[in-house]
Structures are given as C-alpha cells and as structure tokens.
C-alpha cells in the first residue's frame, strides 16, 4: 500500500499533466520510489488514483525496464547488452559481475544487497560499455572499474 505522501504526490501529478494517462510514468516513478518495486497491488493502486485501468498501467510497467516487477536489492546493477556495448566488452562485464556476485540475470543476492539485470539498452551507445547502479550511469566501463565499484558497494 502506498504511503499517504506518495498518494498525495500522485494526486498532485494529475494537476500538472493534461491527462491522467500522461501522468502515468511520473506516477509509477513515485510509486516505485515509495515501495522499492511495483507489485500488482501497487499497480492497481496507481491505476485507481489516476482513473486508469489496471491493464493500461500493466502495459507501461512491462514495457519499460526502469520499472521493477519484483523486489530488488539495495544496489540494482543493470548492464547494457545492446550491440554497441556488446562489441566493446559489455558481455565480459556481464560475466564478470555475475561471477563476482554469484548471480544469474534477474537474481538478487541472499543478503538483499545486489540485484543484477542485463537490459536491452541504457541509451548511451557513444560511451559503451555502459552499466547503471540504481540511477547512476557508469560509462566506458573497464573490468578494473567493475572490480572497484563492486568493492565500494559492499
């Protein structure tokens, strides 16, 4: 269940956007920040606040990789798997992270500290390979930088 503050912020979005549908993505960001992920219950709650169908909300949540549909660790590590990143070492970075953390794609460490996801595109092809930890981009990433980053995050 959304906090009263999150509900109020979503309600206020309805006054900023021309339609409730156009407020959906910002509302989902508010809900995810509040809950940590978007359960089906949370999605229905957002739909109710915005006067949209649960299906309309679900379509957006399942389309965008920025919305998490299950609980994630404190550090969500996303590595781009698109062509530019793959050609410039992204697949090696993915394997390095998976091996170091003992995770397969989409898994979370038992301590809840890390979740690893490979994603289709992080939209930074000119600075490949790219990864993202929570909301922070890391560009032109090297294996040495991955080692340092994982150590810092522990």
N, C-alpha and C. Protein backbone atom coordinates (compact mmCIF):
# COMPACT_ATOMS: atom_id res chain seq x y z
N UNK A 1 0.84 -1.18 0.00
CA UNK A 1 0.00 0.00 0.00
C UNK A 1 0.89 1.24 0.00
N UNK A 2 0.57 2.17 -0.86
CA UNK A 2 1.34 3.41 -0.97
C UNK A 2 1.23 4.24 0.31
N UNK A 3 2.29 4.93 0.62
CA UNK A 3 2.26 5.84 1.76
C UNK A 3 1.34 7.02 1.44
N UNK A 4 0.82 7.69 2.47
CA UNK A 4 -0.02 8.87 2.23
C UNK A 4 0.73 9.94 1.41
N UNK A 5 2.04 10.08 1.66
CA UNK A 5 2.83 11.07 0.91
C UNK A 5 2.90 10.73 -0.57
N UNK A 6 3.10 9.44 -0.88
CA UNK A 6 3.17 9.02 -2.28
C UNK A 6 1.81 9.21 -2.96
N UNK A 7 0.75 8.85 -2.26
CA UNK A 7 -0.60 9.04 -2.83
C UNK A 7 -0.84 10.51 -3.14
N UNK A 8 -0.44 11.38 -2.22
CA UNK A 8 -0.63 12.81 -2.41
C UNK A 8 0.19 13.32 -3.59
N UNK A 9 1.43 12.84 -3.71
CA UNK A 9 2.27 13.26 -4.84
C UNK A 9 1.67 12.81 -6.17
N UNK A 10 1.11 11.60 -6.20
CA UNK A 10 0.48 11.11 -7.44
C UNK A 10 -0.76 11.93 -7.74
N UNK A 11 -1.55 12.22 -6.71
CA UNK A 11 -2.74 13.07 -6.91
C UNK A 11 -2.34 14.43 -7.49
N UNK A 12 -1.25 14.99 -6.98
CA UNK A 12 -0.82 16.30 -7.45
C UNK A 12 -0.34 16.27 -8.91
N UNK A 13 0.13 15.10 -9.36
CA UNK A 13 0.55 14.97 -10.76
C UNK A 13 -0.63 15.16 -11.72
N UNK A 14 -1.81 14.82 -11.25
CA UNK A 14 -3.00 14.96 -12.09
C UNK A 14 -3.26 16.42 -12.45
N UNK A 15 -2.77 17.34 -11.63
CA UNK A 15 -2.99 18.76 -11.92
C UNK A 15 -1.89 19.32 -12.83
N UNK A 16 -0.80 18.60 -12.96
CA UNK A 16 0.34 19.07 -13.75
C UNK A 16 0.22 18.64 -15.21
N UNK A 17 -0.33 17.44 -15.43
CA UNK A 17 -0.40 16.88 -16.78
C UNK A 17 -1.78 17.06 -17.37
N UNK A 18 -1.80 17.15 -18.69
CA UNK A 18 -3.05 17.39 -19.40
C UNK A 18 -4.04 16.25 -19.21
N UNK A 19 -3.51 15.02 -19.21
CA UNK A 19 -4.38 13.86 -18.99
C UNK A 19 -3.76 12.98 -17.91
N UNK A 20 -4.60 12.16 -17.30
CA UNK A 20 -4.09 11.23 -16.29
C UNK A 20 -3.16 10.20 -16.92
N UNK A 21 -3.42 9.84 -18.16
CA UNK A 21 -2.55 8.89 -18.86
C UNK A 21 -1.14 9.46 -18.98
N UNK A 22 -1.04 10.76 -19.26
CA UNK A 22 0.30 11.36 -19.39
C UNK A 22 1.01 11.49 -18.04
N UNK A 23 0.28 11.38 -16.96
CA UNK A 23 0.89 11.42 -15.62
C UNK A 23 1.34 10.03 -15.15
N UNK A 24 1.06 9.01 -15.96
CA UNK A 24 1.30 7.64 -15.52
C UNK A 24 2.78 7.34 -15.24
N UNK A 25 3.67 7.66 -16.15
CA UNK A 25 5.08 7.33 -15.92
C UNK A 25 5.63 8.06 -14.71
N UNK A 26 5.39 9.36 -14.56
CA UNK A 26 5.85 10.02 -13.31
C UNK A 26 5.21 9.39 -12.07
N UNK A 27 3.96 9.00 -12.15
CA UNK A 27 3.29 8.38 -11.01
C UNK A 27 3.93 7.04 -10.67
N UNK A 28 4.30 6.29 -11.68
CA UNK A 28 4.95 5.00 -11.43
C UNK A 28 6.33 5.20 -10.79
N UNK A 29 7.02 6.25 -11.19
CA UNK A 29 8.30 6.56 -10.54
C UNK A 29 8.08 6.87 -9.05
N UNK A 30 7.06 7.63 -8.75
CA UNK A 30 6.74 7.96 -7.35
C UNK A 30 6.43 6.67 -6.59
N UNK A 31 5.60 5.83 -7.17
CA UNK A 31 5.20 4.59 -6.51
C UNK A 31 6.40 3.66 -6.29
N UNK A 32 7.27 3.56 -7.29
CA UNK A 32 8.43 2.69 -7.15
C UNK A 32 9.41 3.24 -6.10
N UNK A 33 9.57 4.55 -6.06
CA UNK A 33 10.44 5.15 -5.04
C UNK A 33 9.87 4.88 -3.65
N UNK A 34 8.57 4.87 -3.54
CA UNK A 34 7.91 4.65 -2.25
C UNK A 34 7.99 3.18 -1.82
N UNK A 35 7.79 2.27 -2.76
CA UNK A 35 7.68 0.85 -2.43
C UNK A 35 8.95 0.04 -2.73
N UNK A 36 9.82 0.58 -3.58
CA UNK A 36 11.02 -0.16 -3.97
C UNK A 36 10.83 -0.99 -5.22
N UNK A 37 9.60 -1.27 -5.57
CA UNK A 37 9.24 -2.02 -6.78
C UNK A 37 7.75 -1.85 -7.01
N UNK A 38 7.23 -2.39 -8.10
CA UNK A 38 5.82 -2.19 -8.44
C UNK A 38 5.07 -3.52 -8.44
N UNK A 39 4.55 -3.88 -7.29
CA UNK A 39 3.74 -5.10 -7.20
C UNK A 39 2.45 -4.89 -7.98
N UNK A 40 1.73 -5.98 -8.21
CA UNK A 40 0.44 -5.86 -8.90
C UNK A 40 -0.52 -5.00 -8.08
N UNK A 41 -0.44 -5.15 -6.76
CA UNK A 41 -1.29 -4.34 -5.88
C UNK A 41 -0.97 -2.85 -6.03
N UNK A 42 0.32 -2.52 -6.06
CA UNK A 42 0.72 -1.12 -6.22
C UNK A 42 0.29 -0.60 -7.59
N UNK A 43 0.42 -1.42 -8.61
CA UNK A 43 -0.01 -1.01 -9.95
C UNK A 43 -1.51 -0.73 -9.97
N UNK A 44 -2.29 -1.58 -9.32
CA UNK A 44 -3.74 -1.34 -9.26
C UNK A 44 -4.05 -0.06 -8.49
N UNK A 45 -3.28 0.19 -7.44
CA UNK A 45 -3.50 1.40 -6.65
C UNK A 45 -3.22 2.65 -7.49
N UNK A 46 -2.13 2.63 -8.26
CA UNK A 46 -1.82 3.76 -9.14
C UNK A 46 -2.93 3.92 -10.17
N UNK A 47 -3.38 2.81 -10.74
CA UNK A 47 -4.48 2.87 -11.72
C UNK A 47 -5.71 3.52 -11.11
N UNK A 48 -6.04 3.15 -9.89
CA UNK A 48 -7.21 3.69 -9.21
C UNK A 48 -7.06 5.20 -8.99
N UNK A 49 -5.91 5.62 -8.52
CA UNK A 49 -5.69 7.05 -8.26
C UNK A 49 -5.82 7.86 -9.55
N UNK A 50 -5.29 7.31 -10.64
CA UNK A 50 -5.30 8.05 -11.91
C UNK A 50 -6.56 7.80 -12.73
N UNK A 51 -7.44 6.91 -12.28
CA UNK A 51 -8.65 6.63 -13.03
C UNK A 51 -8.37 5.89 -14.33
N UNK A 52 -7.35 5.03 -14.30
CA UNK A 52 -6.97 4.23 -15.47
C UNK A 52 -7.27 2.76 -15.17
N UNK A 53 -7.27 1.95 -16.22
CA UNK A 53 -7.44 0.52 -15.99
C UNK A 53 -6.13 -0.08 -15.50
N UNK A 54 -6.25 -1.17 -14.76
CA UNK A 54 -5.06 -1.88 -14.30
C UNK A 54 -4.25 -2.36 -15.50
N UNK A 55 -4.93 -2.74 -16.56
CA UNK A 55 -4.25 -3.21 -17.78
C UNK A 55 -3.42 -2.10 -18.42
N UNK A 56 -3.94 -0.88 -18.44
CA UNK A 56 -3.19 0.24 -19.01
C UNK A 56 -1.90 0.48 -18.23
N UNK A 57 -1.97 0.37 -16.91
CA UNK A 57 -0.79 0.55 -16.08
C UNK A 57 0.18 -0.61 -16.30
N UNK A 58 -0.35 -1.82 -16.33
CA UNK A 58 0.49 -3.02 -16.52
C UNK A 58 1.24 -2.96 -17.84
N UNK A 59 0.61 -2.47 -18.89
CA UNK A 59 1.27 -2.36 -20.19
C UNK A 59 2.50 -1.47 -20.11
N UNK A 60 2.42 -0.39 -19.40
CA UNK A 60 3.55 0.52 -19.25
C UNK A 60 4.64 -0.11 -18.39
N UNK A 61 4.25 -0.72 -17.28
CA UNK A 61 5.21 -1.33 -16.37
C UNK A 61 5.99 -2.44 -17.07
N UNK A 62 5.32 -3.25 -17.87
CA UNK A 62 6.01 -4.36 -18.53
C UNK A 62 6.81 -3.91 -19.75
N UNK A 63 6.54 -2.75 -20.28
CA UNK A 63 7.27 -2.27 -21.45
C UNK A 63 8.62 -1.68 -21.07
N UNK A 64 8.68 -0.91 -20.00
CA UNK A 64 9.90 -0.19 -19.63
C UNK A 64 10.72 -0.96 -18.60
N UNK A 65 12.02 -1.13 -18.90
CA UNK A 65 12.89 -1.86 -17.98
C UNK A 65 13.20 -1.08 -16.71
N UNK A 66 12.87 0.20 -16.67
CA UNK A 66 13.15 1.01 -15.47
C UNK A 66 12.18 0.70 -14.34
N UNK A 67 11.11 -0.01 -14.66
CA UNK A 67 10.14 -0.37 -13.63
C UNK A 67 10.36 -1.82 -13.20
N UNK A 68 10.53 -2.01 -11.90
CA UNK A 68 10.81 -3.33 -11.35
C UNK A 68 9.52 -4.01 -10.92
N UNK A 69 9.36 -5.25 -11.36
CA UNK A 69 8.14 -6.00 -11.08
C UNK A 69 8.30 -7.01 -9.96
N UNK A 70 9.48 -7.02 -9.36
CA UNK A 70 9.70 -7.85 -8.17
C UNK A 70 10.73 -7.11 -7.32
N UNK A 71 10.81 -7.46 -6.05
CA UNK A 71 11.75 -6.76 -5.17
C UNK A 71 13.18 -6.85 -5.70
N UNK A 72 13.93 -5.78 -5.52
CA UNK A 72 15.32 -5.74 -5.97
C UNK A 72 16.21 -5.40 -4.78
N UNK A 73 17.50 -5.68 -4.95
CA UNK A 73 18.46 -5.40 -3.90
C UNK A 73 18.69 -3.91 -3.72
N UNK A 74 19.45 -3.60 -2.68
CA UNK A 74 19.77 -2.20 -2.40
C UNK A 74 20.53 -1.57 -3.56
N UNK A 75 21.35 -2.37 -4.24
CA UNK A 75 22.10 -1.90 -5.40
C UNK A 75 21.61 -2.66 -6.63
N UNK A 76 20.86 -2.01 -7.48
CA UNK A 76 20.37 -2.60 -8.72
C UNK A 76 21.40 -2.32 -9.81
N UNK A 77 22.09 -3.36 -10.26
CA UNK A 77 23.12 -3.22 -11.29
C UNK A 77 22.53 -3.68 -12.61
N UNK A 78 22.49 -2.75 -13.57
CA UNK A 78 21.99 -3.06 -14.90
C UNK A 78 23.12 -2.87 -15.90
N UNK A 79 23.33 -3.88 -16.74
CA UNK A 79 24.38 -3.80 -17.76
C UNK A 79 23.71 -3.87 -19.13
N UNK A 80 24.08 -2.94 -19.99
CA UNK A 80 23.53 -2.90 -21.34
C UNK A 80 24.04 -4.09 -22.14
N UNK A 81 23.13 -4.74 -22.86
CA UNK A 81 23.51 -5.88 -23.69
C UNK A 81 23.33 -5.58 -25.18
N UNK A 82 23.07 -4.32 -25.52
CA UNK A 82 22.85 -3.96 -26.91
C UNK A 82 24.15 -4.06 -27.71
N UNK A 83 24.07 -3.84 -29.00
CA UNK A 83 25.18 -4.07 -29.92
C UNK A 83 26.43 -3.28 -29.56
N UNK A 84 26.31 -1.97 -29.38
CA UNK A 84 27.49 -1.15 -29.10
C UNK A 84 28.21 -1.64 -27.85
N UNK A 85 27.47 -1.87 -26.80
CA UNK A 85 28.09 -2.32 -25.55
C UNK A 85 28.68 -3.72 -25.71
N UNK A 86 27.96 -4.60 -26.39
CA UNK A 86 28.48 -5.95 -26.59
C UNK A 86 29.79 -5.95 -27.37
N UNK A 87 29.85 -5.14 -28.41
CA UNK A 87 31.07 -5.08 -29.23
C UNK A 87 32.26 -4.51 -28.47
N UNK A 88 31.98 -3.68 -27.47
CA UNK A 88 33.05 -3.01 -26.73
C UNK A 88 33.30 -3.61 -25.34
N UNK A 89 32.87 -4.85 -25.13
CA UNK A 89 33.22 -5.55 -23.91
C UNK A 89 32.11 -5.72 -22.89
N UNK A 90 30.90 -5.33 -23.23
CA UNK A 90 29.79 -5.44 -22.30
C UNK A 90 29.50 -6.86 -21.84
N UNK A 91 29.63 -7.83 -22.74
CA UNK A 91 29.36 -9.22 -22.36
C UNK A 91 30.38 -9.72 -21.33
N UNK A 92 31.63 -9.28 -21.47
CA UNK A 92 32.65 -9.66 -20.48
C UNK A 92 32.34 -9.03 -19.13
N UNK A 93 31.85 -7.79 -19.15
CA UNK A 93 31.48 -7.13 -17.90
C UNK A 93 30.31 -7.86 -17.24
N UNK A 94 29.34 -8.28 -18.05
CA UNK A 94 28.20 -9.02 -17.51
C UNK A 94 28.66 -10.29 -16.81
N UNK A 95 29.53 -11.04 -17.49
CA UNK A 95 30.03 -12.29 -16.91
C UNK A 95 30.83 -12.02 -15.65
N UNK A 96 31.65 -10.98 -15.67
CA UNK A 96 32.47 -10.61 -14.51
C UNK A 96 31.57 -10.32 -13.30
N UNK A 97 30.52 -9.53 -13.51
CA UNK A 97 29.61 -9.18 -12.42
C UNK A 97 28.88 -10.42 -11.92
N UNK A 98 28.38 -11.23 -12.84
CA UNK A 98 27.67 -12.44 -12.45
C UNK A 98 28.58 -13.37 -11.65
N UNK A 99 29.82 -13.54 -12.10
CA UNK A 99 30.75 -14.43 -11.40
C UNK A 99 31.09 -13.88 -10.02
N UNK A 100 31.35 -12.58 -9.93
CA UNK A 100 31.73 -11.98 -8.64
C UNK A 100 30.58 -12.05 -7.62
N UNK A 101 29.36 -11.85 -8.11
CA UNK A 101 28.21 -11.83 -7.20
C UNK A 101 27.51 -13.18 -7.08
N UNK A 102 27.86 -14.11 -7.96
CA UNK A 102 27.22 -15.42 -7.94
C UNK A 102 25.76 -15.36 -8.34
N UNK A 103 25.45 -14.51 -9.31
CA UNK A 103 24.06 -14.29 -9.72
C UNK A 103 23.85 -14.61 -11.19
N UNK A 104 22.67 -15.05 -11.50
CA UNK A 104 22.21 -15.13 -12.88
C UNK A 104 21.39 -13.87 -13.15
N UNK A 105 21.09 -13.63 -14.39
CA UNK A 105 20.32 -12.45 -14.78
C UNK A 105 18.99 -12.44 -14.04
N UNK A 106 18.69 -11.32 -13.39
CA UNK A 106 17.43 -11.14 -12.68
C UNK A 106 17.44 -11.59 -11.23
N UNK A 107 18.56 -12.10 -10.76
CA UNK A 107 18.63 -12.59 -9.39
C UNK A 107 19.14 -11.54 -8.42
N UNK A 108 18.85 -11.78 -7.15
CA UNK A 108 19.29 -10.90 -6.06
C UNK A 108 20.10 -11.73 -5.08
N UNK A 109 21.18 -11.15 -4.55
CA UNK A 109 21.97 -11.85 -3.55
C UNK A 109 21.12 -12.14 -2.33
N UNK A 110 21.48 -13.18 -1.60
CA UNK A 110 20.69 -13.59 -0.44
C UNK A 110 20.61 -12.51 0.63
N UNK A 111 21.66 -11.69 0.72
CA UNK A 111 21.65 -10.62 1.73
C UNK A 111 20.84 -9.40 1.28
N UNK A 112 20.30 -9.45 0.04
CA UNK A 112 19.47 -8.36 -0.47
C UNK A 112 20.26 -7.13 -0.89
N UNK A 113 21.57 -7.28 -0.98
CA UNK A 113 22.42 -6.13 -1.30
C UNK A 113 22.45 -5.82 -2.81
N UNK A 114 22.53 -6.86 -3.64
CA UNK A 114 22.69 -6.66 -5.08
C UNK A 114 21.63 -7.40 -5.88
N UNK A 115 21.15 -6.75 -6.94
CA UNK A 115 20.35 -7.40 -7.98
C UNK A 115 21.07 -7.12 -9.29
N UNK A 116 21.18 -8.15 -10.13
CA UNK A 116 21.84 -7.99 -11.43
C UNK A 116 20.82 -8.19 -12.54
N UNK A 117 20.81 -7.26 -13.50
CA UNK A 117 19.96 -7.36 -14.68
C UNK A 117 20.75 -6.97 -15.92
N UNK A 118 20.59 -7.76 -16.98
CA UNK A 118 21.09 -7.29 -18.27
C UNK A 118 19.87 -6.66 -18.95
N UNK A 119 20.09 -5.49 -19.55
CA UNK A 119 18.97 -4.77 -20.16
C UNK A 119 19.29 -4.48 -21.62
N UNK A 120 18.25 -4.29 -22.38
CA UNK A 120 18.41 -4.13 -23.83
C UNK A 120 19.19 -2.89 -24.20
N UNK A 121 18.94 -1.78 -23.55
CA UNK A 121 19.66 -0.56 -23.92
C UNK A 121 19.56 0.46 -22.78
N UNK A 122 20.69 1.07 -22.49
CA UNK A 122 20.71 2.15 -21.49
C UNK A 122 20.84 3.51 -22.16
N UNK A 123 20.81 3.54 -23.49
CA UNK A 123 20.75 4.80 -24.22
C UNK A 123 22.02 5.62 -24.17
N UNK A 124 23.16 4.96 -24.13
CA UNK A 124 24.43 5.70 -24.10
C UNK A 124 25.46 4.99 -24.98
N UNK A 125 25.06 4.70 -26.21
CA UNK A 125 25.88 3.91 -27.12
C UNK A 125 27.25 4.54 -27.39
N UNK A 126 27.32 5.85 -27.38
CA UNK A 126 28.59 6.53 -27.66
C UNK A 126 29.60 6.40 -26.55
N UNK A 127 29.18 5.91 -25.38
CA UNK A 127 30.11 5.75 -24.26
C UNK A 127 30.12 4.31 -23.76
N UNK A 128 29.92 3.38 -24.69
CA UNK A 128 29.86 1.96 -24.36
C UNK A 128 31.24 1.44 -23.96
N UNK A 129 31.26 0.40 -23.13
CA UNK A 129 30.13 -0.26 -22.47
C UNK A 129 29.64 0.53 -21.27
N UNK A 130 28.35 0.38 -21.03
CA UNK A 130 27.67 1.17 -20.01
C UNK A 130 26.98 0.25 -19.01
N UNK A 131 27.02 0.66 -17.76
CA UNK A 131 26.21 0.00 -16.75
C UNK A 131 25.61 1.07 -15.86
N UNK A 132 24.62 0.66 -15.12
CA UNK A 132 23.92 1.59 -14.25
C UNK A 132 23.77 0.93 -12.88
N UNK A 133 24.04 1.68 -11.83
CA UNK A 133 23.79 1.21 -10.47
C UNK A 133 22.76 2.17 -9.89
N UNK A 134 21.60 1.59 -9.58
CA UNK A 134 20.44 2.39 -9.17
C UNK A 134 20.20 3.44 -10.25
N UNK A 135 20.35 4.71 -9.99
CA UNK A 135 20.08 5.73 -11.01
C UNK A 135 21.34 6.38 -11.55
N UNK A 136 22.50 5.80 -11.26
CA UNK A 136 23.76 6.41 -11.69
C UNK A 136 24.40 5.62 -12.83
N UNK A 137 24.74 6.35 -13.91
CA UNK A 137 25.39 5.76 -15.07
C UNK A 137 26.90 5.65 -14.85
N UNK A 138 27.48 4.58 -15.38
CA UNK A 138 28.93 4.40 -15.45
C UNK A 138 29.23 4.09 -16.91
N UNK A 139 30.03 4.94 -17.53
CA UNK A 139 30.28 4.83 -18.96
C UNK A 139 31.74 4.50 -19.25
N UNK A 140 31.98 3.92 -20.45
CA UNK A 140 33.32 3.49 -20.83
C UNK A 140 33.92 2.60 -19.75
N UNK A 141 33.13 1.66 -19.26
CA UNK A 141 33.50 0.85 -18.10
C UNK A 141 34.54 -0.20 -18.47
N UNK A 142 35.52 -0.34 -17.61
CA UNK A 142 36.56 -1.36 -17.76
C UNK A 142 36.37 -2.43 -16.69
N UNK A 143 36.97 -3.61 -16.89
CA UNK A 143 36.89 -4.64 -15.85
C UNK A 143 37.46 -4.15 -14.51
N UNK A 144 38.50 -3.35 -14.54
CA UNK A 144 39.08 -2.83 -13.30
C UNK A 144 38.09 -1.92 -12.58
N UNK A 145 37.36 -1.12 -13.33
CA UNK A 145 36.35 -0.24 -12.73
C UNK A 145 35.22 -1.06 -12.10
N UNK A 146 34.85 -2.16 -12.73
CA UNK A 146 33.81 -3.03 -12.17
C UNK A 146 34.28 -3.58 -10.83
N UNK A 147 35.53 -4.06 -10.77
CA UNK A 147 36.06 -4.58 -9.50
C UNK A 147 36.00 -3.52 -8.41
N UNK A 148 36.45 -2.31 -8.73
CA UNK A 148 36.45 -1.22 -7.74
C UNK A 148 35.03 -0.88 -7.31
N UNK A 149 34.14 -0.79 -8.27
CA UNK A 149 32.75 -0.43 -7.99
C UNK A 149 32.09 -1.47 -7.06
N UNK A 150 32.27 -2.73 -7.35
CA UNK A 150 31.67 -3.77 -6.51
C UNK A 150 32.24 -3.74 -5.10
N UNK A 151 33.52 -3.46 -4.99
CA UNK A 151 34.14 -3.34 -3.66
C UNK A 151 33.56 -2.17 -2.89
N UNK A 152 33.41 -1.03 -3.56
CA UNK A 152 32.86 0.17 -2.92
C UNK A 152 31.42 -0.05 -2.45
N UNK A 153 30.65 -0.80 -3.23
CA UNK A 153 29.24 -1.01 -2.91
C UNK A 153 29.03 -2.02 -1.79
N UNK A 154 30.03 -2.85 -1.53
CA UNK A 154 29.90 -3.83 -0.43
C UNK A 154 29.85 -3.09 0.87
